[in-house]
Amino acid sequence: MAAYSTSAKTSWLMCLGLLLLALLAPQHAEAHGAMLYPPPRGGVGTKSFNWRIHTFIDYKGFKFPCGGYNKPGPVTEMKAGDVIPVRFWTAGMNDKRDEKRLPTKKISQARHGGGLCEFSLSYDGGATYHVIGTYTKTCPDIYYEWKVRIPRNVPSCTKTGQCLFAFSWTASLVPQFYHNCADVRIQGVKGGKLPSKMMQRYDYKAKGVRRGVTFPGDGKSHERGSGPNKSEERRNLRG
């Protein structure tokens, strides 16, 4: 009888282990990219990290703005004129945030063929977003830095929870919209102003938001792409 109980217990534990692996596998194998630097709310290495950071807006309660992460996260100091080397993270990379190293090993990333990436600033806690940089077709991609400059003439923003650096992505192969927010403190110039171009929003349920929208991409669904377009990078660094 004892032998039977031990065997049954072992089988039960094995089944439980296989079930847990099955539940976790999609998160690790098919995770979409998320902003790594500057560290966003809910990002890897933060106290609020829970794997949902890479989820598209409207998926199982993942809300706009900032994916529903309403509480401030780590604050990154920035100055008007600074060049920000944006980096991305996906499952399969080290869970500990490494802001200085790009991946060297082959990692599958659910890039959905790239699409439209916009980087923007919000000074009102996420009510409005002013675009400071744009990359098309090949973005996002964990293997590269995506450089944008904080405009040289932006005003200061120092109030906790109100100052955000945001990454938004409208995918190419599927109509999905992603949005990450990093809390920042910006030392700007007196009398400065934010850019007039506003962030584009698509593919989630909200008044005035178009759905079923995709943007041209590079056709690479999981593998490494060609990186930032040089002319777009130059334009994003003018500031």
C-alpha atoms as a PDB file:
ATOM      1  CA  MET A   1       0.000   0.000   0.000  1.00  0.00           C
ATOM      2  CA  ALA A   2       2.855   2.390   0.839  1.00  0.00           C
ATOM      3  CA  ALA A   3       4.513   1.747  -2.523  1.00  0.00           C
ATOM      4  CA  TYR A   4       1.250   2.499  -4.303  1.00  0.00           C
ATOM      5  CA  SER A   5       0.833   5.809  -2.415  1.00  0.00           C
ATOM      6  CA  THR A   6       4.376   6.913  -3.254  1.00  0.00           C
ATOM      7  CA  SER A   7       3.873   6.078  -6.928  1.00  0.00           C
ATOM      8  CA  ALA A   8       0.547   7.894  -7.053  1.00  0.00           C
ATOM      9  CA  LYS A   9       2.046  10.936  -5.366  1.00  0.00           C
ATOM     10  CA  THR A  10       4.953  10.968  -7.837  1.00  0.00           C
ATOM     11  CA  SER A  11       2.591  10.730 -10.811  1.00  0.00           C
ATOM     12  CA  TRP A  12       0.458  13.547  -9.443  1.00  0.00           C
ATOM     13  CA  LEU A  13       3.493  15.772  -8.981  1.00  0.00           C
ATOM     14  CA  MET A  14       4.702  15.014 -12.504  1.00  0.00           C
ATOM     15  CA  CYS A  15       1.301  15.939 -13.948  1.00  0.00           C
ATOM     16  CA  LEU A  16       1.279  19.146 -11.955  1.00  0.00           C
ATOM     17  CA  GLY A  17       4.765  19.997 -13.183  1.00  0.00           C
ATOM     18  CA  LEU A  18       3.819  19.379 -16.809  1.00  0.00           C
ATOM     19  CA  LEU A  19       0.734  21.544 -16.413  1.00  0.00           C
ATOM     20  CA  LEU A  20       2.792  24.410 -15.010  1.00  0.00           C
ATOM     21  CA  LEU A  21       5.283  24.107 -17.868  1.00  0.00           C
ATOM     22  CA  ALA A  22       2.455  24.206 -20.388  1.00  0.00           C
ATOM     23  CA  LEU A  23       1.046  27.344 -18.808  1.00  0.00           C
ATOM     24  CA  LEU A  24       4.394  29.089 -18.702  1.00  0.00           C
ATOM     25  CA  ALA A  25       5.672  28.025 -22.140  1.00  0.00           C
ATOM     26  CA  PRO A  26       3.769  30.624 -24.205  1.00  0.00           C
ATOM     27  CA  GLN A  27       5.107  33.417 -22.047  1.00  0.00           C
ATOM     28  CA  HIS A  28       8.695  32.446 -22.647  1.00  0.00           C
ATOM     29  CA  ALA A  29       8.510  31.208 -26.240  1.00  0.00           C
ATOM     30  CA  GLU A  30       6.227  33.817 -27.809  1.00  0.00           C
ATOM     31  CA  ALA A  31       6.670  36.930 -25.676  1.00  0.00           C
ATOM     32  CA  HIS A  32       6.499  40.231 -27.525  1.00  0.00           C
ATOM     33  CA  GLY A  33       9.126  42.872 -26.991  1.00  0.00           C
ATOM     34  CA  ALA A  34       8.817  45.475 -24.253  1.00  0.00           C
ATOM     35  CA  MET A  35      10.897  48.509 -23.415  1.00  0.00           C
ATOM     36  CA  LEU A  36      13.961  47.699 -21.325  1.00  0.00           C
ATOM     37  CA  TYR A  37      15.622  51.125 -21.186  1.00  0.00           C
ATOM     38  CA  PRO A  38      14.489  53.522 -19.960  1.00  0.00           C
ATOM     39  CA  PRO A  39      12.964  51.094 -17.418  1.00  0.00           C
ATOM     40  CA  PRO A  40       9.159  51.200 -17.770  1.00  0.00           C
ATOM     41  CA  ARG A  41       6.393  50.669 -15.277  1.00  0.00           C
ATOM     42  CA  GLY A  42       5.982  46.910 -14.915  1.00  0.00           C
ATOM     43  CA  GLY A  43       9.286  46.293 -16.693  1.00  0.00           C
ATOM     44  CA  VAL A  44      11.737  43.502 -16.004  1.00  0.00           C
ATOM     45  CA  GLY A  45      13.790  44.269 -12.912  1.00  0.00           C
ATOM     46  CA  THR A  46      11.114  46.493 -11.364  1.00  0.00           C
ATOM     47  CA  LYS A  47       9.008  45.657  -8.298  1.00  0.00           C
ATOM     48  CA  SER A  48       5.822  45.506 -10.402  1.00  0.00           C
ATOM     49  CA  PHE A  49       7.183  43.110 -13.057  1.00  0.00           C
ATOM     50  CA  ASN A  50       4.750  40.247 -13.727  1.00  0.00           C
ATOM     51  CA  TRP A  51       5.271  39.226 -17.387  1.00  0.00           C
ATOM     52  CA  ARG A  52       2.316  41.318 -18.574  1.00  0.00           C
ATOM     53  CA  ILE A  53       4.608  44.128 -19.716  1.00  0.00           C
ATOM     54  CA  HIS A  54       4.888  42.608 -23.215  1.00  0.00           C
ATOM     55  CA  THR A  55       1.103  42.288 -23.724  1.00  0.00           C
ATOM     56  CA  PHE A  56      -0.832  44.293 -26.318  1.00  0.00           C
ATOM     57  CA  ILE A  57      -3.492  46.769 -25.264  1.00  0.00           C
ATOM     58  CA  ASP A  58      -6.973  45.268 -24.700  1.00  0.00           C
ATOM     59  CA  TYR A  59      -5.688  41.752 -24.074  1.00  0.00           C
ATOM     60  CA  LYS A  60      -7.274  40.416 -20.873  1.00  0.00           C
ATOM     61  CA  GLY A  61      -7.658  43.791 -19.240  1.00  0.00           C
ATOM     62  CA  PHE A  62      -4.321  45.246 -20.359  1.00  0.00           C
ATOM     63  CA  LYS A  63      -5.365  48.902 -20.664  1.00  0.00           C
ATOM     64  CA  PHE A  64      -4.222  52.148 -22.249  1.00  0.00           C
ATOM     65  CA  PRO A  65      -2.272  54.112 -21.172  1.00  0.00           C
ATOM     66  CA  CYS A  66       0.873  52.362 -19.974  1.00  0.00           C
ATOM     67  CA  GLY A  67      -0.772  48.936 -20.035  1.00  0.00           C
ATOM     68  CA  GLY A  68      -2.748  49.828 -16.943  1.00  0.00           C
ATOM     69  CA  TYR A  69       0.346  50.366 -14.791  1.00  0.00           C
ATOM     70  CA  ASN A  70      -0.866  53.460 -12.986  1.00  0.00           C
ATOM     71  CA  LYS A  71       1.626  53.592 -10.137  1.00  0.00           C
ATOM     72  CA  PRO A  72       4.973  55.356 -10.792  1.00  0.00           C
ATOM     73  CA  GLY A  73       7.988  53.149 -11.375  1.00  0.00           C
ATOM     74  CA  PRO A  74      11.739  53.811 -11.414  1.00  0.00           C
ATOM     75  CA  VAL A  75      12.579  57.403 -12.373  1.00  0.00           C
ATOM     76  CA  THR A  76      15.166  58.049 -15.092  1.00  0.00           C
ATOM     77  CA  GLU A  77      16.893  61.447 -15.097  1.00  0.00           C
ATOM     78  CA  MET A  78      17.018  63.190 -18.483  1.00  0.00           C
ATOM     79  CA  LYS A  79      18.019  66.597 -19.846  1.00  0.00           C
ATOM     80  CA  ALA A  80      16.905  68.554 -22.879  1.00  0.00           C
ATOM     81  CA  GLY A  81      19.204  67.491 -25.719  1.00  0.00           C
ATOM     82  CA  ASP A  82      20.067  64.071 -24.256  1.00  0.00           C
ATOM     83  CA  VAL A  83      20.254  61.117 -26.656  1.00  0.00           C
ATOM     84  CA  ILE A  84      18.253  58.185 -25.257  1.00  0.00           C
ATOM     85  CA  PRO A  85      19.434  54.723 -26.428  1.00  0.00           C
ATOM     86  CA  VAL A  86      16.124  52.877 -26.180  1.00  0.00           C
ATOM     87  CA  ARG A  87      16.500  49.109 -25.770  1.00  0.00           C
ATOM     88  CA  PHE A  88      13.980  46.293 -25.762  1.00  0.00           C
ATOM     89  CA  TRP A  89      13.542  43.094 -23.770  1.00  0.00           C
ATOM     90  CA  THR A  90      11.786  39.792 -24.432  1.00  0.00           C
ATOM     91  CA  ALA A  91      11.463  36.493 -22.604  1.00  0.00           C
ATOM     92  CA  GLY A  92      14.593  34.408 -23.120  1.00  0.00           C
ATOM     93  CA  MET A  93      16.837  37.272 -22.111  1.00  0.00           C
ATOM     94  CA  ASN A  94      18.208  37.516 -18.584  1.00  0.00           C
ATOM     95  CA  ASP A  95      15.393  38.451 -16.203  1.00  0.00           C
ATOM     96  CA  LYS A  96      17.730  40.887 -14.486  1.00  0.00           C
ATOM     97  CA  ARG A  97      17.686  44.216 -16.260  1.00  0.00           C
ATOM     98  CA  ASP A  98      20.909  44.811 -18.183  1.00  0.00           C
ATOM     99  CA  GLU A  99      20.756  48.257 -19.735  1.00  0.00           C
ATOM    100  CA  LYS A 100      24.256  48.248 -21.228  1.00  0.00           C
ATOM    101  CA  ARG A 101      24.428  44.993 -23.167  1.00  0.00           C
ATOM    102  CA  LEU A 102      22.599  43.928 -26.289  1.00  0.00           C
ATOM    103  CA  PRO A 103      21.825  40.209 -26.811  1.00  0.00           C
ATOM    104  CA  THR A 104      24.465  38.098 -28.505  1.00  0.00           C
ATOM    105  CA  LYS A 105      22.717  34.712 -28.582  1.00  0.00           C
ATOM    106  CA  LYS A 106      19.819  33.789 -30.852  1.00  0.00           C
ATOM    107  CA  ILE A 107      16.487  34.552 -29.169  1.00  0.00           C
ATOM    108  CA  SER A 108      13.012  34.180 -30.687  1.00  0.00           C
ATOM    109  CA  GLN A 109      11.067  37.428 -30.395  1.00  0.00           C
ATOM    110  CA  ALA A 110       7.446  37.898 -31.479  1.00  0.00           C
ATOM    111  CA  ARG A 111       8.090  41.015 -33.582  1.00  0.00           C
ATOM    112  CA  HIS A 112       4.999  40.575 -35.794  1.00  0.00           C
ATOM    113  CA  GLY A 113       6.968  41.832 -38.780  1.00  0.00           C
ATOM    114  CA  GLY A 114       7.908  45.148 -37.194  1.00  0.00           C
ATOM    115  CA  GLY A 115       5.631  48.105 -37.896  1.00  0.00           C
ATOM    116  CA  LEU A 116       5.389  51.652 -36.552  1.00  0.00           C
ATOM    117  CA  CYS A 117       7.270  52.619 -33.364  1.00  0.00           C
ATOM    118  CA  GLU A 118       6.804  56.044 -31.817  1.00  0.00           C
ATOM    119  CA  PHE A 119       8.600  57.496 -28.808  1.00  0.00           C
ATOM    120  CA  SER A 120       6.904  60.328 -27.021  1.00  0.00           C
ATOM    121  CA  LEU A 121       6.807  62.509 -23.911  1.00  0.00           C
ATOM    122  CA  SER A 122       3.842  63.124 -21.631  1.00  0.00           C
ATOM    123  CA  TYR A 123       3.860  65.908 -19.062  1.00  0.00           C
ATOM    124  CA  ASP A 124       0.312  65.273 -17.822  1.00  0.00           C
ATOM    125  CA  GLY A 125       0.482  61.713 -16.531  1.00  0.00           C
ATOM    126  CA  GLY A 126      -0.496  60.062 -19.807  1.00  0.00           C
ATOM    127  CA  ALA A 127      -3.393  62.218 -20.962  1.00  0.00           C
ATOM    128  CA  THR A 128      -1.432  63.425 -24.022  1.00  0.00           C
ATOM    129  CA  TYR A 129       1.745  62.242 -25.754  1.00  0.00           C
ATOM    130  CA  HIS A 130       4.071  64.408 -27.873  1.00  0.00           C
ATOM    131  CA  VAL A 131       6.184  62.476 -30.389  1.00  0.00           C
ATOM    132  CA  ILE A 132       9.968  62.966 -30.279  1.00  0.00           C
ATOM    133  CA  GLY A 133      11.040  60.040 -32.480  1.00  0.00           C
ATOM    134  CA  THR A 134       9.703  57.533 -35.021  1.00  0.00           C
ATOM    135  CA  TYR A 135      11.019  54.304 -36.535  1.00  0.00           C
ATOM    136  CA  THR A 136       9.186  52.301 -39.193  1.00  0.00           C
ATOM    137  CA  LYS A 137       9.207  48.760 -40.612  1.00  0.00           C
ATOM    138  CA  THR A 138      12.112  47.241 -38.629  1.00  0.00           C
ATOM    139  CA  CYS A 139      11.134  48.334 -35.112  1.00  0.00           C
ATOM    140  CA  PRO A 140      11.046  46.943 -32.459  1.00  0.00           C
ATOM    141  CA  ASP A 141      14.009  44.570 -32.245  1.00  0.00           C
ATOM    142  CA  ILE A 142      15.926  43.487 -29.127  1.00  0.00           C
ATOM    143  CA  TYR A 143      19.269  43.332 -30.973  1.00  0.00           C
ATOM    144  CA  TYR A 144      19.615  47.088 -31.511  1.00  0.00           C
ATOM    145  CA  GLU A 145      19.528  50.456 -29.811  1.00  0.00           C
ATOM    146  CA  TRP A 146      16.832  52.794 -31.073  1.00  0.00           C
ATOM    147  CA  LYS A 147      18.193  56.278 -30.454  1.00  0.00           C
ATOM    148  CA  VAL A 148      16.024  59.342 -29.986  1.00  0.00           C
ATOM    149  CA  ARG A 149      16.920  62.779 -28.700  1.00  0.00           C
ATOM    150  CA  ILE A 150      15.024  64.670 -26.037  1.00  0.00           C
ATOM    151  CA  PRO A 151      14.340  67.933 -27.902  1.00  0.00           C
ATOM    152  CA  ARG A 152      16.707  70.711 -26.890  1.00  0.00           C
ATOM    153  CA  ASN A 153      13.852  73.151 -26.280  1.00  0.00           C
ATOM    154  CA  VAL A 154      11.490  71.116 -24.068  1.00  0.00           C
ATOM    155  CA  PRO A 155      10.412  72.563 -20.707  1.00  0.00           C
ATOM    156  CA  SER A 156      11.279  70.916 -17.408  1.00  0.00           C
ATOM    157  CA  CYS A 157       9.061  68.224 -15.925  1.00  0.00           C
ATOM    158  CA  THR A 158       9.725  67.112 -12.368  1.00  0.00           C
ATOM    159  CA  LYS A 159       6.400  66.114 -10.806  1.00  0.00           C
ATOM    160  CA  THR A 160       6.315  62.423  -9.844  1.00  0.00           C
ATOM    161  CA  GLY A 161       3.852  60.400 -11.886  1.00  0.00           C
ATOM    162  CA  GLN A 162       3.239  63.153 -14.436  1.00  0.00           C
ATOM    163  CA  CYS A 163       6.425  62.941 -16.525  1.00  0.00           C
ATOM    164  CA  LEU A 164       6.553  59.967 -18.892  1.00  0.00           C
ATOM    165  CA  PHE A 165       8.760  58.691 -21.715  1.00  0.00           C
ATOM    166  CA  ALA A 166       6.557  56.360 -23.765  1.00  0.00           C
ATOM    167  CA  PHE A 167       7.083  53.667 -26.383  1.00  0.00           C
ATOM    168  CA  SER A 168       4.162  52.763 -28.645  1.00  0.00           C
ATOM    169  CA  TRP A 169       4.083  50.152 -31.398  1.00  0.00           C
ATOM    170  CA  THR A 170       1.467  49.323 -34.016  1.00  0.00           C
ATOM    171  CA  ALA A 171       2.402  45.930 -35.471  1.00  0.00           C
ATOM    172  CA  SER A 172       2.676  44.932 -39.124  1.00  0.00           C
ATOM    173  CA  LEU A 173       1.404  41.355 -39.372  1.00  0.00           C
ATOM    174  CA  VAL A 174      -1.437  41.663 -36.854  1.00  0.00           C
ATOM    175  CA  PRO A 175      -3.600  44.629 -35.774  1.00  0.00           C
ATOM    176  CA  GLN A 176      -2.190  45.059 -32.268  1.00  0.00           C
ATOM    177  CA  PHE A 177      -1.075  48.124 -30.310  1.00  0.00           C
ATOM    178  CA  TYR A 178       1.520  48.133 -27.525  1.00  0.00           C
ATOM    179  CA  HIS A 179       2.277  50.888 -25.030  1.00  0.00           C
ATOM    180  CA  ASN A 180       4.956  51.132 -22.305  1.00  0.00           C
ATOM    181  CA  CYS A 181       5.645  54.114 -20.048  1.00  0.00           C
ATOM    182  CA  ALA A 182       8.834  55.030 -18.195  1.00  0.00           C
ATOM    183  CA  ASP A 183       8.746  57.575 -15.397  1.00  0.00           C
ATOM    184  CA  VAL A 184      11.289  60.328 -15.998  1.00  0.00           C
ATOM    185  CA  ARG A 185      12.458  63.642 -14.579  1.00  0.00           C
ATOM    186  CA  ILE A 186      13.435  66.112 -17.293  1.00  0.00           C
ATOM    187  CA  GLN A 187      15.635  69.147 -16.869  1.00  0.00           C
ATOM    188  CA  GLY A 188      14.474  71.437 -19.633  1.00  0.00           C
ATOM    189  CA  VAL A 189      14.728  75.074 -20.641  1.00  0.00           C
ATOM    190  CA  LYS A 190      12.786  78.102 -19.469  1.00  0.00           C
ATOM    191  CA  GLY A 191       9.976  78.932 -21.837  1.00  0.00           C
ATOM    192  CA  GLY A 192      10.362  75.615 -23.655  1.00  0.00           C
ATOM    193  CA  LYS A 193       7.608  73.769 -25.489  1.00  0.00           C
ATOM    194  CA  LEU A 194       6.745  70.192 -26.410  1.00  0.00           C
ATOM    195  CA  PRO A 195       6.610  69.000 -30.050  1.00  0.00           C
ATOM    196  CA  SER A 196       3.227  69.483 -31.737  1.00  0.00           C
ATOM    197  CA  LYS A 197       3.032  65.998 -33.286  1.00  0.00           C
ATOM    198  CA  MET A 198       0.844  63.706 -31.198  1.00  0.00           C
ATOM    199  CA  MET A 199       1.194  59.941 -30.737  1.00  0.00           C
ATOM    200  CA  GLN A 200      -0.938  57.730 -32.984  1.00  0.00           C
ATOM    201  CA  ARG A 201      -3.277  55.219 -31.320  1.00  0.00           C
ATOM    202  CA  TYR A 202      -4.886  52.208 -32.973  1.00  0.00           C
ATOM    203  CA  ASP A 203      -6.377  48.767 -32.430  1.00  0.00           C
ATOM    204  CA  TYR A 204      -8.073  48.929 -29.073  1.00  0.00           C
ATOM    205  CA  LYS A 205     -11.579  49.728 -27.897  1.00  0.00           C
ATOM    206  CA  ALA A 206     -11.909  53.444 -27.236  1.00  0.00           C
ATOM    207  CA  LYS A 207     -13.764  56.408 -28.685  1.00  0.00           C
ATOM    208  CA  GLY A 208     -12.060  57.728 -31.807  1.00  0.00           C
ATOM    209  CA  VAL A 209      -9.529  54.869 -32.033  1.00  0.00           C
ATOM    210  CA  ARG A 210      -9.446  53.029 -35.368  1.00  0.00           C
ATOM    211  CA  ARG A 211      -9.215  49.257 -35.279  1.00  0.00           C
ATOM    212  CA  GLY A 212      -7.911  46.728 -37.788  1.00  0.00           C
ATOM    213  CA  VAL A 213      -4.882  48.923 -38.521  1.00  0.00           C
ATOM    214  CA  THR A 214      -1.424  47.609 -39.436  1.00  0.00           C
ATOM    215  CA  PHE A 215       1.709  49.327 -40.762  1.00  0.00           C
ATOM    216  CA  PRO A 216       4.306  48.196 -43.328  1.00  0.00           C
ATOM    217  CA  GLY A 217       7.056  46.060 -41.812  1.00  0.00           C
ATOM    218  CA  ASP A 218      10.065  43.941 -42.719  1.00  0.00           C
ATOM    219  CA  GLY A 219       8.201  40.613 -42.760  1.00  0.00           C
ATOM    220  CA  LYS A 220      10.372  39.078 -40.046  1.00  0.00           C
ATOM    221  CA  SER A 221       8.093  37.563 -37.450  1.00  0.00           C
ATOM    222  CA  HIS A 222      10.533  36.107 -34.913  1.00  0.00           C
ATOM    223  CA  GLU A 223      14.085  36.582 -36.131  1.00  0.00           C
ATOM    224  CA  ARG A 224      16.549  39.448 -36.004  1.00  0.00           C
ATOM    225  CA  GLY A 225      15.901  42.282 -38.423  1.00  0.00           C
ATOM    226  CA  SER A 226      18.169  44.832 -40.091  1.00  0.00           C
ATOM    227  CA  GLY A 227      17.926  47.410 -37.319  1.00  0.00           C
ATOM    228  CA  PRO A 228      17.205  51.145 -37.365  1.00  0.00           C
ATOM    229  CA  ASN A 229      16.955  52.882 -40.698  1.00  0.00           C
ATOM    230  CA  LYS A 230      19.910  55.308 -40.805  1.00  0.00           C
ATOM    231  CA  SER A 231      17.962  58.203 -42.274  1.00  0.00           C
ATOM    232  CA  GLU A 232      15.266  57.810 -39.620  1.00  0.00           C
ATOM    233  CA  GLU A 233      17.933  57.662 -36.918  1.00  0.00           C
ATOM    234  CA  ARG A 234      19.505  60.905 -38.164  1.00  0.00           C
ATOM    235  CA  ARG A 235      16.105  62.572 -38.155  1.00  0.00           C
ATOM    236  CA  ASN A 236      15.391  61.332 -34.612  1.00  0.00           C
ATOM    237  CA  LEU A 237      18.699  62.769 -33.387  1.00  0.00           C
ATOM    238  CA  ARG A 238      18.181  66.282 -34.682  1.00  0.00           C
ATOM    239  CA  GLY A 239      16.135  67.255 -31.670  1.00  0.00           C
END
